[in-house]
Amino acid sequence: MKLLLKLEELAMLLLSIFLLWNSDAPWFWYLLLLLGPDISMLGYLINNKVGAFLYNFFHHKGIAIIIFLTGIYLSNGLAQQIGVVLFGHASFDRIAGYGLKYEKGFGFTHLGEIGKGKGK
């Protein structure tokens, strides 16, 4: 099942690359924004609750889709590109095992525990 879920996330990542490829965004923009949503991890410098909220906000596929659809509705290519990049980034992270965060700490995700303290 784990492989099937990763393949599904890979398909969504490839879809986002395809959509971005067909937009007017320069490729360097995608590379910058591919890691850009991870700036939200700085919220963990405040506390776990703020960190989890910011991380989940910038890695939630529903929010990415809303931004993308808003861009379509408003004929705003930039909003569409941001939505595509956020969507693709979330898929990329989930392929790597980084899921949405619980308030318990960065290593506690909806996909299971990650990091050094795993299983303790």
C-alpha atoms as a PDB file:
ATOM      1  CA  MET A   1       0.000   0.000   0.000  1.00  0.00           C
ATOM      2  CA  LYS A   2       2.854   2.387   0.822  1.00  0.00           C
ATOM      3  CA  LEU A   3       4.254   2.016  -2.707  1.00  0.00           C
ATOM      4  CA  LEU A   4       0.817   2.606  -4.216  1.00  0.00           C
ATOM      5  CA  LEU A   5       0.418   5.834  -2.232  1.00  0.00           C
ATOM      6  CA  LYS A   6       3.874   7.044  -3.292  1.00  0.00           C
ATOM      7  CA  LEU A   7       3.022   6.301  -6.929  1.00  0.00           C
ATOM      8  CA  GLU A   8      -0.173   8.302  -6.538  1.00  0.00           C
ATOM      9  CA  GLU A   9       1.807  11.242  -5.114  1.00  0.00           C
ATOM     10  CA  LEU A  10       4.305  10.899  -7.971  1.00  0.00           C
ATOM     11  CA  ALA A  11       1.451  11.152 -10.472  1.00  0.00           C
ATOM     12  CA  MET A  12       0.273  14.366  -8.781  1.00  0.00           C
ATOM     13  CA  LEU A  13       3.824  15.768  -8.810  1.00  0.00           C
ATOM     14  CA  LEU A  14       4.136  14.967 -12.511  1.00  0.00           C
ATOM     15  CA  LEU A  15       0.761  16.629 -13.131  1.00  0.00           C
ATOM     16  CA  SER A  16       1.989  19.789 -11.414  1.00  0.00           C
ATOM     17  CA  ILE A  17       5.179  19.768 -13.502  1.00  0.00           C
ATOM     18  CA  PHE A  18       3.076  19.336 -16.657  1.00  0.00           C
ATOM     19  CA  LEU A  19       0.763  22.220 -15.689  1.00  0.00           C
ATOM     20  CA  LEU A  20       3.686  24.491 -14.852  1.00  0.00           C
ATOM     21  CA  TRP A  21       5.468  23.504 -18.062  1.00  0.00           C
ATOM     22  CA  ASN A  22       2.403  24.691 -20.001  1.00  0.00           C
ATOM     23  CA  SER A  23       2.250  28.021 -18.175  1.00  0.00           C
ATOM     24  CA  ASP A  24       4.435  31.037 -18.740  1.00  0.00           C
ATOM     25  CA  ALA A  25       6.456  30.536 -15.549  1.00  0.00           C
ATOM     26  CA  PRO A  26      10.227  30.377 -15.998  1.00  0.00           C
ATOM     27  CA  TRP A  27      11.719  27.124 -14.708  1.00  0.00           C
ATOM     28  CA  PHE A  28      13.910  28.805 -12.105  1.00  0.00           C
ATOM     29  CA  TRP A  29      10.682  29.996 -10.493  1.00  0.00           C
ATOM     30  CA  TYR A  30       9.567  26.409 -10.013  1.00  0.00           C
ATOM     31  CA  LEU A  31      12.903  25.434  -8.502  1.00  0.00           C
ATOM     32  CA  LEU A  32      12.768  28.345  -6.060  1.00  0.00           C
ATOM     33  CA  LEU A  33       9.184  27.671  -5.064  1.00  0.00           C
ATOM     34  CA  LEU A  34       9.641  23.908  -4.903  1.00  0.00           C
ATOM     35  CA  LEU A  35      11.431  24.472  -1.609  1.00  0.00           C
ATOM     36  CA  GLY A  36       9.782  27.811  -0.829  1.00  0.00           C
ATOM     37  CA  PRO A  37       6.852  26.406   1.175  1.00  0.00           C
ATOM     38  CA  ASP A  38       9.384  24.899   3.582  1.00  0.00           C
ATOM     39  CA  ILE A  39      10.043  28.412   4.912  1.00  0.00           C
ATOM     40  CA  SER A  40       6.918  27.687   6.964  1.00  0.00           C
ATOM     41  CA  MET A  41       9.069  25.451   9.189  1.00  0.00           C
ATOM     42  CA  LEU A  42      10.374  28.633  10.789  1.00  0.00           C
ATOM     43  CA  GLY A  43       7.145  28.626  12.778  1.00  0.00           C
ATOM     44  CA  TYR A  44       8.692  25.875  14.887  1.00  0.00           C
ATOM     45  CA  LEU A  45      11.074  28.513  16.257  1.00  0.00           C
ATOM     46  CA  ILE A  46       8.032  29.976  18.043  1.00  0.00           C
ATOM     47  CA  ASN A  47       6.493  26.701  19.217  1.00  0.00           C
ATOM     48  CA  ASN A  48       5.115  23.388  17.937  1.00  0.00           C
ATOM     49  CA  LYS A  49       1.550  24.684  17.581  1.00  0.00           C
ATOM     50  CA  VAL A  50       2.532  27.642  15.377  1.00  0.00           C
ATOM     51  CA  GLY A  51       5.006  25.491  13.460  1.00  0.00           C
ATOM     52  CA  ALA A  52       2.432  22.794  12.729  1.00  0.00           C
ATOM     53  CA  PHE A  53      -0.185  25.353  11.697  1.00  0.00           C
ATOM     54  CA  LEU A  54       2.117  27.194   9.268  1.00  0.00           C
ATOM     55  CA  TYR A  55       3.605  24.001   7.860  1.00  0.00           C
ATOM     56  CA  ASN A  56       0.159  22.453   7.321  1.00  0.00           C
ATOM     57  CA  PHE A  57      -1.203  25.649   5.759  1.00  0.00           C
ATOM     58  CA  PHE A  58       1.572  25.748   3.147  1.00  0.00           C
ATOM     59  CA  HIS A  59       1.458  21.981   2.522  1.00  0.00           C
ATOM     60  CA  HIS A  60      -2.306  21.444   2.321  1.00  0.00           C
ATOM     61  CA  LYS A  61      -3.359  20.357  -1.147  1.00  0.00           C
ATOM     62  CA  GLY A  62      -6.858  21.755  -0.668  1.00  0.00           C
ATOM     63  CA  ILE A  63      -5.434  25.242  -0.130  1.00  0.00           C
ATOM     64  CA  ALA A  64      -3.216  24.812  -3.190  1.00  0.00           C
ATOM     65  CA  ILE A  65      -6.264  23.858  -5.279  1.00  0.00           C
ATOM     66  CA  ILE A  66      -8.244  26.846  -3.955  1.00  0.00           C
ATOM     67  CA  ILE A  67      -5.398  29.200  -4.913  1.00  0.00           C
ATOM     68  CA  PHE A  68      -5.174  27.592  -8.363  1.00  0.00           C
ATOM     69  CA  LEU A  69      -8.941  27.793  -8.965  1.00  0.00           C
ATOM     70  CA  THR A  70      -9.026  31.381  -7.718  1.00  0.00           C
ATOM     71  CA  GLY A  71      -6.327  32.137 -10.285  1.00  0.00           C
ATOM     72  CA  ILE A  72      -8.458  30.588 -13.017  1.00  0.00           C
ATOM     73  CA  TYR A  73     -11.564  32.492 -11.881  1.00  0.00           C
ATOM     74  CA  LEU A  74      -9.664  35.795 -11.759  1.00  0.00           C
ATOM     75  CA  SER A  75      -7.618  35.039 -14.888  1.00  0.00           C
ATOM     76  CA  ASN A  76      -4.515  35.483 -12.747  1.00  0.00           C
ATOM     77  CA  GLY A  77      -1.645  33.378 -14.058  1.00  0.00           C
ATOM     78  CA  LEU A  78       0.545  34.074 -11.026  1.00  0.00           C
ATOM     79  CA  ALA A  79      -2.069  32.656  -8.621  1.00  0.00           C
ATOM     80  CA  GLN A  80      -2.451  29.619 -10.866  1.00  0.00           C
ATOM     81  CA  GLN A  81       1.299  29.031 -10.858  1.00  0.00           C
ATOM     82  CA  ILE A  82       1.525  29.439  -7.080  1.00  0.00           C
ATOM     83  CA  GLY A  83      -1.298  26.912  -6.636  1.00  0.00           C
ATOM     84  CA  VAL A  84       0.416  24.430  -8.949  1.00  0.00           C
ATOM     85  CA  VAL A  85       3.745  24.807  -7.163  1.00  0.00           C
ATOM     86  CA  LEU A  86       2.193  24.392  -3.710  1.00  0.00           C
ATOM     87  CA  PHE A  87       0.328  21.306  -4.912  1.00  0.00           C
ATOM     88  CA  GLY A  88       3.450  19.801  -6.475  1.00  0.00           C
ATOM     89  CA  HIS A  89       5.566  20.608  -3.441  1.00  0.00           C
ATOM     90  CA  ALA A  90       3.088  18.874  -1.117  1.00  0.00           C
ATOM     91  CA  SER A  91       3.222  15.764  -3.321  1.00  0.00           C
ATOM     92  CA  PHE A  92       7.023  15.903  -3.408  1.00  0.00           C
ATOM     93  CA  ASP A  93       7.178  16.073   0.398  1.00  0.00           C
ATOM     94  CA  ARG A  94       4.759  13.179   0.798  1.00  0.00           C
ATOM     95  CA  ILE A  95       6.839  11.030  -1.558  1.00  0.00           C
ATOM     96  CA  ALA A  96       9.771  11.761   0.780  1.00  0.00           C
ATOM     97  CA  GLY A  97       7.666  10.758   3.794  1.00  0.00           C
ATOM     98  CA  TYR A  98       6.905  14.234   5.142  1.00  0.00           C
ATOM     99  CA  GLY A  99       3.233  14.479   5.949  1.00  0.00           C
ATOM    100  CA  LEU A 100       1.051  17.088   7.578  1.00  0.00           C
ATOM    101  CA  LYS A 101       2.208  17.807  11.125  1.00  0.00           C
ATOM    102  CA  TYR A 102       0.669  17.192  14.509  1.00  0.00           C
ATOM    103  CA  GLU A 103       1.193  19.793  17.233  1.00  0.00           C
ATOM    104  CA  LYS A 104       3.299  17.308  19.201  1.00  0.00           C
ATOM    105  CA  GLY A 105       6.387  18.229  17.126  1.00  0.00           C
ATOM    106  CA  PHE A 106       7.860  18.319  13.642  1.00  0.00           C
ATOM    107  CA  GLY A 107       8.569  14.598  13.569  1.00  0.00           C
ATOM    108  CA  PHE A 108       4.941  13.615  14.138  1.00  0.00           C
ATOM    109  CA  THR A 109       3.028  13.469  10.850  1.00  0.00           C
ATOM    110  CA  HIS A 110      -0.117  11.931   9.441  1.00  0.00           C
ATOM    111  CA  LEU A 111       2.180   9.500   7.596  1.00  0.00           C
ATOM    112  CA  GLY A 112       3.892   8.385  10.808  1.00  0.00           C
ATOM    113  CA  GLU A 113       6.931   9.499  12.773  1.00  0.00           C
ATOM    114  CA  ILE A 114      10.031  10.828  11.044  1.00  0.00           C
ATOM    115  CA  GLY A 115      13.483  11.801  12.222  1.00  0.00           C
ATOM    116  CA  LYS A 116      16.025  10.673  14.784  1.00  0.00           C
ATOM    117  CA  GLY A 117      13.654  10.081  17.701  1.00  0.00           C
ATOM    118  CA  LYS A 118      11.432   7.823  15.621  1.00  0.00           C
ATOM    119  CA  GLY A 119       9.823   5.055  17.618  1.00  0.00           C
ATOM    120  CA  LYS A 120      10.814   6.437  21.054  1.00  0.00           C
END
